[in-house]
């Protein structure tokens, strides 16, 4: 996705509307897919355990993976054994479905699955065909609930609960479907999901649940980074190759740092030259970028992890729903 096009979508520029005819065609194809799956003309895979899809209706980062991690943690704390299926975008897996092991890096499985697996160790399978990947994950016998990270539009996998994440600051941009706007589906699609979660401030959707990404203690990018993290007030190079780099830069400024911005495309594949700044300033980056930069020579590098905070009552209510679904599916089987 072009950064210039993304800025135009969210800054109210007029020129993306030249692509409106293509957006109308995209809308027709999207509507047709829904009809074909609802009618049974296209096959839908149903699994004997609860399936929760975490996704969004817009392109770019909204906070799906931190939310998925928070759900994994909450489910484990309540006695469940979750597994995750992901597309593995940006990876070059030798085959699919592919279950992650500790020796697999982001170049193989994609940056987001690598980050999630490193943080949680959750059973995780990457497969562009989410239904096939979920069935493979379930066949291992160690999961009783499946989370699908970024699969709202993958209708071949039947889902019991849909959670849509919305960027509180950017909302829905100009409101147009791709490519004239950032939307994968019309905004009205949110009426049919089970939960809408807004990441950050802003109120782009009424009565949505609020999620906050909270920065965690900084970690050295590589073993030779070491030392003490820079103190607030310091000038730093901030690197972000995520859907909304501005969110990371704003978080760094909120912590009191003087930020030199370096925005890269989402899922950017880094080289040492990308981090070779001609000074001695510290280099800080998101955890998603960090999993791809650990093998690069950057002794001044630091990673800033985040943790998603959600209302406890929502997590209790959600896990209650999942428990009821699990009992129903067990009885039906």
Protein backbone atom coordinates (compact mmCIF):
# COMPACT_ATOMS: atom_id res chain seq x y z
CA UNK A 1 0.00 0.00 0.00
CA UNK A 2 1.39 3.40 -1.01
CA UNK A 3 2.02 5.70 1.96
CA UNK A 4 1.00 8.68 -0.20
CA UNK A 5 -2.33 7.03 -0.99
CA UNK A 6 -2.91 6.12 2.66
CA UNK A 7 -2.26 9.72 3.74
CA UNK A 8 -4.68 10.97 1.10
CA UNK A 9 -7.42 8.62 2.36
CA UNK A 10 -7.11 9.90 5.91
CA UNK A 11 -6.36 13.55 5.17
CA UNK A 12 -9.45 14.14 3.03
CA UNK A 13 -7.64 14.64 -0.27
CA UNK A 14 -9.85 14.61 -3.36
CA UNK A 15 -7.61 12.84 -5.88
CA UNK A 16 -8.23 9.24 -4.59
CA UNK A 17 -11.85 9.66 -5.72
CA UNK A 18 -10.60 9.34 -9.29
CA UNK A 19 -10.46 5.63 -8.40
CA UNK A 20 -14.17 5.55 -7.46
CA UNK A 21 -15.19 3.37 -10.46
CA UNK A 22 -12.79 0.69 -9.23
CA UNK A 23 -14.26 1.00 -5.74
CA UNK A 24 -17.74 0.37 -7.12
CA UNK A 25 -16.47 -2.78 -8.81
CA UNK A 26 -14.80 -3.82 -5.54
CA UNK A 27 -18.13 -3.29 -3.74
CA UNK A 28 -19.94 -5.55 -6.21
CA UNK A 29 -17.36 -8.32 -5.82
CA UNK A 30 -17.51 -8.03 -2.02
CA UNK A 31 -21.31 -8.23 -1.99
CA UNK A 32 -21.26 -11.18 -4.38
CA UNK A 33 -18.84 -13.11 -2.14
CA UNK A 34 -21.16 -12.66 0.84
CA UNK A 35 -24.14 -13.89 -1.19
CA UNK A 36 -22.27 -16.96 -2.46
CA UNK A 37 -21.15 -17.98 1.02
CA UNK A 38 -24.54 -17.35 2.61
CA UNK A 39 -26.28 -19.37 -0.08
CA UNK A 40 -23.94 -22.33 0.32
CA UNK A 41 -22.62 -22.13 -3.24
CA UNK A 42 -19.16 -21.58 -1.74
CA UNK A 43 -18.07 -24.01 0.96
CA UNK A 44 -17.85 -22.91 4.58
CA UNK A 45 -15.83 -24.97 7.08
CA UNK A 46 -17.41 -25.45 10.51
CA UNK A 47 -15.22 -26.56 13.42
CA UNK A 48 -16.26 -28.40 16.61
CA UNK A 49 -14.72 -25.73 18.87
CA UNK A 50 -15.50 -22.02 19.25
CA UNK A 51 -13.92 -19.84 16.55
CA UNK A 52 -13.30 -16.14 17.26
CA UNK A 53 -12.27 -13.88 14.40
CA UNK A 54 -10.37 -10.67 15.15
CA UNK A 55 -10.25 -8.34 12.16
CA UNK A 56 -11.09 -4.95 10.75
CA UNK A 57 -12.88 -3.38 7.82
CA UNK A 58 -9.97 -1.15 6.80
CA UNK A 59 -6.46 -1.78 5.52
CA UNK A 60 -3.49 -0.98 7.68
CA UNK A 61 -2.86 -1.52 11.35
CA UNK A 62 -5.65 -1.02 13.86
CA UNK A 63 -4.29 -3.14 16.73
CA UNK A 64 -5.57 -6.61 15.83
CA UNK A 65 -2.46 -8.51 16.93
CA UNK A 66 -2.17 -6.85 20.39
CA UNK A 67 -5.87 -7.58 20.88
CA UNK A 68 -5.34 -11.21 19.85
CA UNK A 69 -2.50 -11.47 22.37
CA UNK A 70 -4.71 -10.01 25.10
CA UNK A 71 -7.42 -12.55 24.28
CA UNK A 72 -4.91 -15.42 24.38
CA UNK A 73 -3.79 -14.29 27.84
CA UNK A 74 -7.35 -13.84 29.11
CA UNK A 75 -8.48 -17.23 27.79
CA UNK A 76 -5.52 -19.03 29.33
CA UNK A 77 -6.16 -17.35 32.67
CA UNK A 78 -9.70 -18.73 32.57
CA UNK A 79 -8.70 -22.30 31.82
CA UNK A 80 -8.90 -22.41 28.01
CA UNK A 81 -6.24 -23.70 25.61
CA UNK A 82 -6.37 -21.28 22.67
CA UNK A 83 -4.67 -21.63 19.30
CA UNK A 84 -4.18 -18.96 16.63
CA UNK A 85 -4.36 -19.11 12.85
CA UNK A 86 -2.92 -16.28 10.75
CA UNK A 87 -2.37 -15.58 7.08
CA UNK A 88 1.36 -15.07 7.65
CA UNK A 89 1.52 -11.96 5.47
CA UNK A 90 5.06 -11.09 4.37
CA UNK A 91 6.47 -14.54 5.14
CA UNK A 92 7.77 -17.07 2.63
CA UNK A 93 6.62 -20.33 4.17
CA UNK A 94 7.83 -23.40 2.23
CA UNK A 95 4.37 -24.96 2.56
CA UNK A 96 0.97 -24.44 4.12
CA UNK A 97 -0.39 -25.04 6.64
CA UNK A 98 2.76 -24.38 8.68
CA UNK A 99 2.84 -24.62 12.47
CA UNK A 100 5.34 -22.29 14.08
CA UNK A 101 8.37 -23.52 15.99
CA UNK A 102 10.86 -21.36 17.94
CA UNK A 103 13.45 -21.49 15.15
CA UNK A 104 11.15 -19.90 12.55
CA UNK A 105 11.74 -16.22 11.90
CA UNK A 106 9.54 -13.48 10.40
CA UNK A 107 11.05 -14.02 6.95
CA UNK A 108 9.36 -17.44 6.96
CA UNK A 109 6.10 -16.90 8.87
CA UNK A 110 5.54 -13.12 8.70
CA UNK A 111 6.24 -10.42 11.27
CA UNK A 112 2.95 -10.47 13.19
CA UNK A 113 2.79 -14.27 13.74
CA UNK A 114 6.49 -14.27 14.73
CA UNK A 115 5.87 -11.49 17.25
CA UNK A 116 2.76 -13.15 18.70
CA UNK A 117 4.46 -16.55 18.98
CA UNK A 118 7.53 -15.02 20.61
CA UNK A 119 5.39 -13.20 23.17
CA UNK A 120 3.00 -16.03 24.06
CA UNK A 121 4.23 -19.36 22.70
CA UNK A 122 0.61 -20.02 21.71
CA UNK A 123 0.04 -22.86 19.21
CA UNK A 124 0.02 -20.94 15.92
CA UNK A 125 -0.44 -21.97 12.29
CA UNK A 126 0.06 -19.74 9.25
CA UNK A 127 -1.98 -20.41 6.14
CA UNK A 128 -3.57 -18.03 3.59
CA UNK A 129 -6.53 -20.45 3.65
CA UNK A 130 -7.63 -19.82 7.23
CA UNK A 131 -10.16 -22.67 7.23
CA UNK A 132 -7.46 -25.18 6.28
CA UNK A 133 -5.03 -23.71 8.80
CA UNK A 134 -7.59 -23.79 11.61
CA UNK A 135 -8.46 -27.43 10.87
CA UNK A 136 -4.74 -28.30 10.93
CA UNK A 137 -4.31 -26.51 14.24
CA UNK A 138 -7.28 -28.31 15.74
CA UNK A 139 -5.99 -31.70 14.56
CA UNK A 140 -3.02 -31.34 16.91
CA UNK A 141 -5.40 -31.90 19.81
CA UNK A 142 -4.01 -29.19 22.11
CA UNK A 143 -6.55 -26.40 21.39
CA UNK A 144 -10.15 -25.97 22.55
CA UNK A 145 -10.76 -22.53 21.02
CA UNK A 146 -9.43 -21.00 17.79
CA UNK A 147 -8.55 -17.32 17.33
CA UNK A 148 -8.22 -16.07 13.76
CA UNK A 149 -5.93 -13.04 13.59
CA UNK A 150 -7.14 -10.81 10.72
CA UNK A 151 -9.79 -13.00 9.11
CA UNK A 152 -12.97 -10.94 9.07
CA UNK A 153 -13.23 -11.17 5.27
CA UNK A 154 -12.16 -14.85 5.08
CA UNK A 155 -15.69 -16.22 4.91
CA UNK A 156 -14.66 -19.80 4.16
CA UNK A 157 -14.09 -20.26 7.91
CA UNK A 158 -17.30 -20.26 9.93
CA UNK A 159 -17.01 -18.09 13.00
CA UNK A 160 -18.96 -17.99 16.25
CA UNK A 161 -17.82 -14.55 17.40
CA UNK A 162 -16.60 -11.62 15.28
CA UNK A 163 -14.55 -8.79 16.81
CA UNK A 164 -13.78 -5.77 14.63
CA UNK A 165 -11.03 -3.34 15.63
CA UNK A 166 -11.23 0.34 14.62
CA UNK A 167 -8.47 2.95 14.85
CA UNK A 168 -9.89 5.63 17.14
CA UNK A 169 -7.75 8.40 15.71
CA UNK A 170 -8.11 7.66 11.99
CA UNK A 171 -11.60 6.16 11.97
CA UNK A 172 -12.76 5.18 8.49
CA UNK A 173 -10.82 7.76 6.50
CA UNK A 174 -12.85 9.16 3.60
CA UNK A 175 -15.37 6.32 3.95
CA UNK A 176 -14.75 4.85 0.50
CA UNK A 177 -13.97 1.24 -0.33
CA UNK A 178 -10.64 0.27 -1.87
CA UNK A 179 -8.90 1.70 -3.81
CA UNK A 180 -10.54 5.15 -3.51
CA UNK A 181 -10.57 4.73 0.26
CA UNK A 182 -9.16 2.46 2.98
CA UNK A 183 -12.20 0.23 3.54
CA UNK A 184 -12.33 -3.49 2.77
CA UNK A 185 -16.05 -3.53 3.52
CA UNK A 186 -18.70 -0.83 4.01
CA UNK A 187 -18.97 0.72 7.47
CA UNK A 188 -22.42 -0.86 7.89
CA UNK A 189 -20.62 -4.23 8.18
CA UNK A 190 -19.91 -3.31 11.80
CA UNK A 191 -23.61 -3.69 12.60
CA UNK A 192 -23.29 -7.43 12.03
CA UNK A 193 -20.21 -8.15 14.16
CA UNK A 194 -20.48 -9.19 17.80
CA UNK A 195 -18.09 -6.62 19.26
CA UNK A 196 -16.52 -3.39 17.98
CA UNK A 197 -13.29 -2.43 19.75
CA UNK A 198 -11.88 1.08 19.30
CA UNK A 199 -8.11 1.36 19.70
CA UNK A 200 -7.22 4.63 21.41
CA UNK A 201 -9.11 7.87 21.74
CA UNK A 202 -11.86 9.04 19.43
CA UNK A 203 -15.40 7.79 18.95
CA UNK A 204 -15.82 6.56 15.36
CA UNK A 205 -18.46 4.01 16.43
CA UNK A 206 -21.18 4.38 19.09
CA UNK A 207 -21.07 2.16 22.20
CA UNK A 208 -17.79 0.55 21.14
CA UNK A 209 -15.45 -1.07 23.64
CA UNK A 210 -12.31 0.89 24.38
CA UNK A 211 -8.83 -0.63 24.03
CA UNK A 212 -5.66 1.12 25.11
CA UNK A 213 -2.15 0.16 24.01
CA UNK A 214 0.19 0.66 26.95
CA UNK A 215 3.96 0.86 26.43
CA UNK A 216 5.97 -1.73 28.35
CA UNK A 217 9.61 -1.54 29.55
CA UNK A 218 12.01 -1.11 26.69
CA UNK A 219 14.09 -4.09 25.56
CA UNK A 220 17.47 -4.10 23.80
CA UNK A 221 17.13 -4.93 20.12
CA UNK A 222 20.16 -7.23 20.15
CA UNK A 223 22.24 -8.80 22.93
CA UNK A 224 25.01 -6.28 22.31
CA UNK A 225 22.66 -3.30 22.67
CA UNK A 226 22.64 -3.48 26.45
CA UNK A 227 23.18 -0.43 28.59
CA UNK A 228 20.41 1.77 29.92
CA UNK A 229 17.49 2.98 27.78
CA UNK A 230 17.53 6.70 26.94
CA UNK A 231 15.78 8.96 29.41
CA UNK A 232 12.74 11.11 28.55
CA UNK A 233 13.88 14.34 26.96
CA UNK A 234 16.41 12.53 24.80
CA UNK A 235 16.40 12.82 21.03
CA UNK A 236 15.82 9.45 19.36
CA UNK A 237 15.36 7.95 15.92
CA UNK A 238 11.89 6.36 15.94
CA UNK A 239 11.40 3.62 13.33
CA UNK A 240 7.95 2.25 12.46
CA UNK A 241 6.92 -0.01 9.61
CA UNK A 242 3.32 -0.51 10.72
CA UNK A 243 -0.10 0.40 9.35
CA UNK A 244 -0.21 3.69 11.26
CA UNK A 245 3.35 4.83 12.10
CA UNK A 246 2.03 8.07 13.56
CA UNK A 247 0.57 6.18 16.51
CA UNK A 248 4.04 4.99 17.51
CA UNK A 249 5.61 8.41 17.03
CA UNK A 250 2.88 10.03 19.14
CA UNK A 251 3.42 7.45 21.88
CA UNK A 252 7.13 8.27 21.97
CA UNK A 253 6.40 11.98 22.22
CA UNK A 254 3.89 11.33 24.99
CA UNK A 255 6.74 9.65 26.91
CA UNK A 256 8.72 12.87 26.58
CA UNK A 257 11.13 12.02 23.75
CA UNK A 258 12.28 14.30 20.94
CA UNK A 259 11.39 12.13 17.96
CA UNK A 260 13.08 11.95 14.57
CA UNK A 261 10.48 10.10 12.51
CA UNK A 262 11.31 7.26 10.12
CA UNK A 263 8.11 5.80 8.66
CA UNK A 264 8.33 2.68 6.50
CA UNK A 265 5.59 0.75 4.69
CA UNK A 266 3.64 -1.82 6.69
CA UNK A 267 5.50 -5.18 6.82
CA UNK A 268 8.67 -3.53 5.50
CA UNK A 269 11.67 -5.86 5.12
CA UNK A 270 14.56 -4.01 6.77
CA UNK A 271 18.19 -3.87 5.78
CA UNK A 272 21.11 -2.58 7.83
CA UNK A 273 21.12 0.56 5.66
CA UNK A 274 17.61 1.45 6.91
CA UNK A 275 19.01 1.84 10.44
CA UNK A 276 22.37 3.39 9.53
CA UNK A 277 21.84 6.97 10.69
CA UNK A 278 24.88 9.26 10.66
CA UNK A 279 24.93 10.04 14.38
CA UNK A 280 24.99 8.33 17.77
CA UNK A 281 21.33 8.79 18.71
CA UNK A 282 19.41 5.77 20.06
CA UNK A 283 17.14 3.96 17.62
CA UNK A 284 13.73 2.88 18.96
CA UNK A 285 11.14 0.80 17.15
CA UNK A 286 7.92 -1.16 17.57
CA UNK A 287 8.08 -4.81 18.58
CA UNK A 288 6.71 -5.77 15.17
CA UNK A 289 9.72 -4.07 13.58
CA UNK A 290 12.05 -5.48 16.22
CA UNK A 291 11.43 -9.11 15.30
CA UNK A 292 12.70 -8.31 11.78
CA UNK A 293 15.69 -6.20 12.87
CA UNK A 294 17.24 -8.44 15.54
CA UNK A 295 19.76 -9.86 13.07
CA UNK A 296 20.87 -6.44 11.83
CA UNK A 297 23.84 -4.60 13.24
CA UNK A 298 22.32 -1.86 15.40
CA UNK A 299 23.98 -1.64 18.81
CA UNK A 300 21.92 1.48 19.66
CA UNK A 301 18.60 -0.25 19.04
CA UNK A 302 15.70 -0.52 21.47
CA UNK A 303 12.28 -2.14 21.16
CA UNK A 304 9.15 -0.69 22.76
CA UNK A 305 6.57 -3.47 23.34
CA UNK A 306 2.93 -2.60 23.98
CA UNK A 307 0.19 -4.41 25.86
CA UNK A 308 -3.51 -4.07 25.07
CA UNK A 309 -5.71 -3.10 28.01
CA UNK A 310 -9.41 -4.00 27.78
CA UNK A 311 -12.30 -3.72 30.24
CA UNK A 312 -12.28 -6.74 32.58
CA UNK A 313 -16.06 -7.04 32.30
CA UNK A 314 -15.73 -7.46 28.52
CA UNK A 315 -13.19 -10.26 28.92
CA UNK A 316 -15.42 -11.98 31.49
CA UNK A 317 -18.46 -11.65 29.24
CA UNK A 318 -16.54 -12.89 26.19
CA UNK A 319 -15.14 -15.94 27.94
CA UNK A 320 -18.62 -16.67 29.25
CA UNK A 321 -19.87 -16.65 25.65
CA UNK A 322 -17.06 -18.98 24.62
CA UNK A 323 -17.80 -21.39 27.48
CA UNK A 324 -21.46 -21.57 26.43
CA UNK A 325 -20.44 -22.14 22.79
CA UNK A 326 -18.03 -24.90 23.80
CA UNK A 327 -20.74 -26.72 25.76
CA UNK A 328 -23.19 -26.38 22.88
CA UNK A 329 -20.72 -27.73 20.34
CA UNK A 330 -19.75 -30.62 22.62
CA UNK A 331 -23.39 -31.58 23.10
CA UNK A 332 -24.06 -31.28 19.36
CA UNK A 333 -21.09 -33.53 18.60
